[in-house]
Amino acid sequence: MWARPARRLTGDQPAFMSDRTFIFGDIHGEIDHLERVLAQLPSLATDDTLVFLGDYVDRGPDSRAVVARLMALPARMPAKVVCLRGNHEDAWLRVRREGCDQFVLPPAHGCLAALRSFTGGPVPAPGESAHPDEMELLTMGDFWPAAVVAWMEALPFWFENEHGIYVHAGLPRGPKGFLHPREVAVPAMLAWVRTRDFALHYRGKKVFFGHTPTELLPQEISLHTPDDPTDMFVTEDTFGLDTGCGRGGFLTALELPARRGYESR
């Protein structure tokens, strides 16, 4: 099938609820996966919210189309749209500010795919490095349109509503436990931090995050399809939604408070 039907994780909530939040995991340049999931959503209202957890670019073949789609969404639907900053957007902004950043060079990070989606070059082969005539564009980030750079610079590192806290990567520990995002001195940490400790030991208001592929999270404590490590990671307090889009996986979205899942596979 082109896409699986929505699946309810837990609970017996009615099919339609107001004040819903739909959370999207990492997209990584996969416009087809994004469109598949958007097409599955129910009719949206002005009191609904869509939260995208970051990492819209790199790896997949069409970062340009993903960014254009997200930038246009607020004008095309009644729901509130919140796009967070992922570590890939944060890295590209650092390249734009400071020049060459080692993050953009390893083929595994998929930055060449983003460059070519904007310049019209071919989709890179697995492991392909930038050609000499592409290297300056890659290491300076000069191919990004000014409007896209401004959009990325405005992306917040976190969001919170009655349903939970939303970050790209996770929450760091402080001296008395895990920090609320407002307590984090360097907000960019919310886009980069990756610790097993967070998934295992965080307790508190529910946190929804991407960044770490779900198969790398401690599946032994997942309450959702523990026999499928590629699926959503769910505990009482943490929800991991990076199900491998851009790396041969699929895109996952979660509807709250119904806990209904949507997938592009």
Protein backbone atom coordinates (compact mmCIF):
# COMPACT_ATOMS: atom_id res chain seq x y z
CA MET A 1 0.00 0.00 0.00
CA TRP A 2 1.01 3.59 -0.54
CA ALA A 3 0.44 4.41 3.11
CA ARG A 4 -0.81 2.58 6.14
CA PRO A 5 -4.09 3.62 7.77
CA ALA A 6 -3.89 5.59 10.97
CA ARG A 7 -3.27 3.50 14.08
CA ARG A 8 -4.29 4.36 17.61
CA LEU A 9 -1.57 3.65 20.16
CA THR A 10 -3.66 3.67 23.33
CA GLY A 11 -6.79 5.13 24.78
CA ASP A 12 -10.45 5.25 23.81
CA GLN A 13 -10.78 8.87 22.73
CA PRO A 14 -13.43 9.80 20.13
CA ALA A 15 -12.48 10.05 16.47
CA PHE A 16 -12.66 13.86 16.41
CA MET A 17 -11.32 16.15 19.08
CA SER A 18 -10.56 19.86 19.15
CA ASP A 19 -7.22 21.28 20.26
CA ARG A 20 -5.34 18.46 18.56
CA THR A 21 -1.61 18.43 17.97
CA PHE A 22 -0.02 16.49 15.09
CA ILE A 23 3.72 15.88 15.54
CA PHE A 24 5.99 15.00 12.60
CA GLY A 25 9.37 13.28 12.87
CA ASP A 26 12.49 13.99 10.79
CA ILE A 27 11.74 14.42 7.06
CA HIS A 28 15.25 14.79 5.53
CA GLY A 29 14.38 15.86 2.01
CA GLU A 30 11.72 13.18 1.40
CA ILE A 31 8.88 15.20 -0.08
CA ASP A 32 6.94 12.10 -1.15
CA HIS A 33 6.86 10.78 2.41
CA LEU A 34 5.73 14.16 3.71
CA GLU A 35 2.89 14.35 1.20
CA ARG A 36 1.77 10.80 2.03
CA VAL A 37 1.39 11.63 5.70
CA LEU A 38 -0.22 15.03 5.14
CA ALA A 39 -2.78 13.35 2.89
CA GLN A 40 -3.83 11.02 5.73
CA LEU A 41 -4.63 13.76 8.23
CA PRO A 42 -8.26 14.49 9.07
CA SER A 43 -9.81 17.85 8.32
CA LEU A 44 -8.03 20.49 10.38
CA ALA A 45 -9.45 23.38 12.38
CA THR A 46 -8.06 26.64 13.71
CA ASP A 47 -7.51 25.15 17.16
CA ASP A 48 -5.34 22.34 15.78
CA THR A 49 -1.54 22.53 15.73
CA LEU A 50 1.02 20.86 13.49
CA VAL A 51 4.49 20.53 15.03
CA PHE A 52 7.45 19.56 12.85
CA LEU A 53 10.43 18.41 14.92
CA GLY A 54 13.21 19.57 12.58
CA ASP A 55 15.70 18.07 10.10
CA TYR A 56 13.83 18.95 6.94
CA VAL A 57 16.91 18.93 4.71
CA ASP A 58 19.82 16.69 3.66
CA ARG A 59 19.99 12.97 2.76
CA GLY A 60 16.73 12.72 0.78
CA PRO A 61 16.46 13.84 -2.85
CA ASP A 62 14.37 17.00 -2.52
CA SER A 63 15.20 19.29 0.39
CA ARG A 64 14.08 22.22 -1.72
CA ALA A 65 10.55 20.88 -2.14
CA VAL A 66 10.24 19.97 1.55
CA VAL A 67 11.27 23.45 2.67
CA ALA A 68 8.95 25.11 0.14
CA ARG A 69 6.05 22.95 1.32
CA LEU A 70 6.64 23.76 4.97
CA MET A 71 7.11 27.46 4.33
CA ALA A 72 3.79 27.55 2.46
CA LEU A 73 1.76 25.47 4.93
CA PRO A 74 0.64 28.29 7.29
CA ALA A 75 -1.13 30.08 4.44
CA ARG A 76 -2.76 26.91 3.13
CA MET A 77 -4.45 25.45 6.20
CA PRO A 78 -6.37 26.78 9.20
CA ALA A 79 -4.21 24.98 11.78
CA LYS A 80 -1.26 26.58 13.54
CA VAL A 81 2.06 25.38 12.09
CA VAL A 82 5.18 25.17 14.25
CA CYS A 83 8.47 24.18 12.61
CA LEU A 84 11.33 23.58 15.03
CA ARG A 85 15.02 23.84 14.22
CA GLY A 86 16.84 20.53 13.81
CA ASN A 87 20.57 20.00 14.02
CA HIS A 88 20.83 19.91 10.21
CA GLU A 89 19.24 23.36 9.87
CA ASP A 90 21.38 24.59 12.76
CA ALA A 91 24.55 23.24 11.10
CA TRP A 92 23.75 24.95 7.79
CA LEU A 93 23.17 28.26 9.56
CA ARG A 94 26.57 27.87 11.22
CA VAL A 95 28.11 27.29 7.80
CA ARG A 96 26.44 30.42 6.53
CA ARG A 97 27.79 32.45 9.46
CA GLU A 98 31.28 31.01 9.78
CA GLY A 99 32.14 29.18 6.57
CA CYS A 100 33.39 25.62 6.33
CA ASP A 101 31.97 23.28 8.91
CA GLN A 102 33.05 19.64 9.05
CA PHE A 103 29.40 18.63 9.39
CA VAL A 104 28.73 19.27 5.70
CA LEU A 105 31.61 17.17 4.33
CA PRO A 106 30.89 13.52 5.32
CA PRO A 107 28.67 11.93 2.63
CA ALA A 108 26.65 10.20 5.36
CA HIS A 109 25.27 13.54 6.51
CA GLY A 110 23.64 14.02 3.11
CA CYS A 111 24.46 17.70 2.70
CA LEU A 112 25.43 17.28 -0.95
CA ALA A 113 21.88 16.09 -1.64
CA ALA A 114 20.53 19.36 -0.26
CA LEU A 115 22.93 21.41 -2.37
CA ARG A 116 21.96 19.60 -5.57
CA SER A 117 18.26 19.88 -4.85
CA PHE A 118 18.70 23.66 -5.01
CA THR A 119 21.21 23.78 -7.88
CA GLY A 120 19.50 21.20 -10.07
CA GLY A 121 22.27 18.61 -9.96
CA PRO A 122 21.70 14.85 -9.94
CA VAL A 123 20.81 13.00 -6.75
CA PRO A 124 24.15 11.87 -5.25
CA ALA A 125 25.04 8.22 -5.41
CA PRO A 126 25.58 6.50 -2.04
CA GLY A 127 28.89 7.69 -0.61
CA GLU A 128 29.44 10.28 -3.35
CA SER A 129 31.45 13.37 -2.39
CA ALA A 130 31.09 16.85 -3.80
CA HIS A 131 32.79 17.62 -7.11
CA PRO A 132 35.56 20.24 -6.95
CA ASP A 133 33.29 22.88 -8.50
CA GLU A 134 30.69 22.22 -5.80
CA MET A 135 33.02 22.35 -2.83
CA GLU A 136 32.88 26.11 -2.26
CA LEU A 137 29.09 26.13 -2.45
CA LEU A 138 28.98 23.27 0.03
CA THR A 139 31.44 24.72 2.52
CA MET A 140 30.04 28.27 2.38
CA GLY A 141 26.35 27.45 1.99
CA ASP A 142 25.94 30.12 -0.67
CA PHE A 143 23.34 28.15 -2.60
CA TRP A 144 20.62 28.69 0.02
CA PRO A 145 18.09 31.35 -1.08
CA ALA A 146 17.89 34.33 1.25
CA ALA A 147 14.23 33.61 2.05
CA VAL A 148 15.08 30.07 3.13
CA VAL A 149 17.95 31.28 5.31
CA ALA A 150 15.65 33.80 6.98
CA TRP A 151 13.07 31.05 7.56
CA MET A 152 15.66 28.74 9.11
CA GLU A 153 17.00 31.52 11.34
CA ALA A 154 13.48 32.08 12.70
CA LEU A 155 12.92 28.41 13.58
CA PRO A 156 12.59 27.99 17.36
CA PHE A 157 14.44 25.29 19.28
CA TRP A 158 11.40 24.19 21.28
CA PHE A 159 7.67 24.47 21.66
CA GLU A 160 5.26 23.58 24.46
CA ASN A 161 1.50 23.27 24.80
CA GLU A 162 -0.95 21.42 27.03
CA HIS A 163 -0.06 18.08 25.44
CA GLY A 164 3.69 18.17 25.89
CA ILE A 165 7.13 19.61 25.21
CA TYR A 166 8.55 19.39 21.69
CA VAL A 167 12.27 19.48 20.83
CA HIS A 168 14.36 18.12 18.03
CA ALA A 169 16.86 16.06 20.00
CA GLY A 170 16.05 15.80 23.71
CA LEU A 171 16.66 17.47 27.05
CA PRO A 172 20.05 17.77 28.81
CA ARG A 173 20.54 17.08 32.49
CA GLY A 174 21.14 19.79 35.04
CA PRO A 175 22.33 19.50 38.62
CA LYS A 176 18.82 18.57 39.82
CA GLY A 177 17.57 16.54 36.89
CA PHE A 178 16.60 17.09 33.29
CA LEU A 179 16.21 20.76 32.36
CA HIS A 180 13.08 22.34 30.98
CA PRO A 181 13.93 23.92 27.58
CA ARG A 182 13.62 27.43 29.05
CA GLU A 183 16.41 26.52 31.52
CA VAL A 184 18.91 25.45 28.86
CA ALA A 185 21.65 28.10 28.65
CA VAL A 186 22.62 27.20 25.07
CA PRO A 187 19.33 26.52 23.26
CA ALA A 188 21.12 24.83 20.35
CA MET A 189 21.73 21.88 22.70
CA LEU A 190 18.06 21.04 22.22
CA ALA A 191 18.83 20.30 18.56
CA TRP A 192 21.99 18.27 19.16
CA VAL A 193 21.95 16.43 22.51
CA ARG A 194 21.80 12.65 22.22
CA THR A 195 21.98 10.51 25.34
CA ARG A 196 20.57 7.11 26.24
CA ASP A 197 20.11 8.54 29.72
CA PHE A 198 17.29 10.81 28.52
CA ALA A 199 15.27 7.98 26.98
CA LEU A 200 15.80 5.74 30.00
CA HIS A 201 15.40 8.10 32.92
CA TYR A 202 13.45 11.24 32.00
CA ARG A 203 10.25 11.63 34.01
CA GLY A 204 7.88 14.55 33.75
CA LYS A 205 5.69 16.28 31.20
CA LYS A 206 5.67 14.27 28.00
CA VAL A 207 8.52 15.10 25.60
CA PHE A 208 8.32 14.45 21.85
CA PHE A 209 11.58 14.34 19.92
CA GLY A 210 13.32 13.18 16.74
CA HIS A 211 17.04 13.20 15.89
CA THR A 212 17.92 9.73 17.21
CA PRO A 213 16.75 6.89 14.92
CA THR A 214 14.29 4.83 16.92
CA GLU A 215 16.24 1.59 16.38
CA LEU A 216 19.05 3.16 18.44
CA LEU A 217 16.78 3.89 21.39
CA PRO A 218 16.34 1.35 24.23
CA GLN A 219 13.67 -0.82 22.66
CA GLU A 220 13.42 -2.97 25.77
CA ILE A 221 11.40 -0.21 27.44
CA SER A 222 9.28 0.84 24.46
CA LEU A 223 5.55 0.37 25.00
CA HIS A 224 4.77 0.48 21.27
CA THR A 225 5.58 -2.42 18.91
CA PRO A 226 8.78 -3.43 20.77
CA ASP A 227 9.23 -6.19 18.17
CA ASP A 228 9.69 -3.52 15.46
CA PRO A 229 12.66 -1.30 16.36
CA THR A 230 12.08 0.90 13.30
CA ASP A 231 8.66 1.99 14.61
CA MET A 232 7.87 4.82 16.99
CA PHE A 233 9.58 4.73 20.40
CA VAL A 234 7.05 5.24 23.21
CA THR A 235 7.38 5.30 26.99
CA GLU A 236 5.16 6.92 29.60
CA ASP A 237 7.09 10.20 29.29
CA THR A 238 9.12 10.19 26.03
CA PHE A 239 8.16 9.69 22.39
CA GLY A 240 10.81 9.21 19.67
CA LEU A 241 9.56 9.92 16.14
CA ASP A 242 12.65 9.61 13.91
CA THR A 243 11.71 6.48 11.99
CA GLY A 244 14.42 6.78 9.37
CA CYS A 245 13.02 9.09 6.70
CA GLY A 246 15.95 9.96 4.41
CA ARG A 247 17.82 6.80 5.37
CA GLY A 248 15.58 4.18 3.80
CA GLY A 249 12.93 4.39 6.51
CA PHE A 250 9.64 6.22 6.65
CA LEU A 251 7.99 9.31 8.12
CA THR A 252 5.87 9.07 11.25
CA ALA A 253 3.38 11.56 12.67
CA LEU A 254 1.48 11.29 15.94
CA GLU A 255 -1.87 12.87 16.79
CA LEU A 256 -2.55 14.05 20.33
CA PRO A 257 -4.42 13.56 22.54
CA ALA A 258 -5.81 10.55 20.67
CA ARG A 259 -2.32 9.00 20.25
CA ARG A 260 -3.17 8.04 16.69
CA GLY A 261 -0.18 7.31 14.47
CA TYR A 262 0.27 8.07 10.76
CA GLU A 263 2.99 6.56 8.57
CA SER A 264 4.35 6.93 5.05
CA ARG A 265 5.30 3.24 4.69
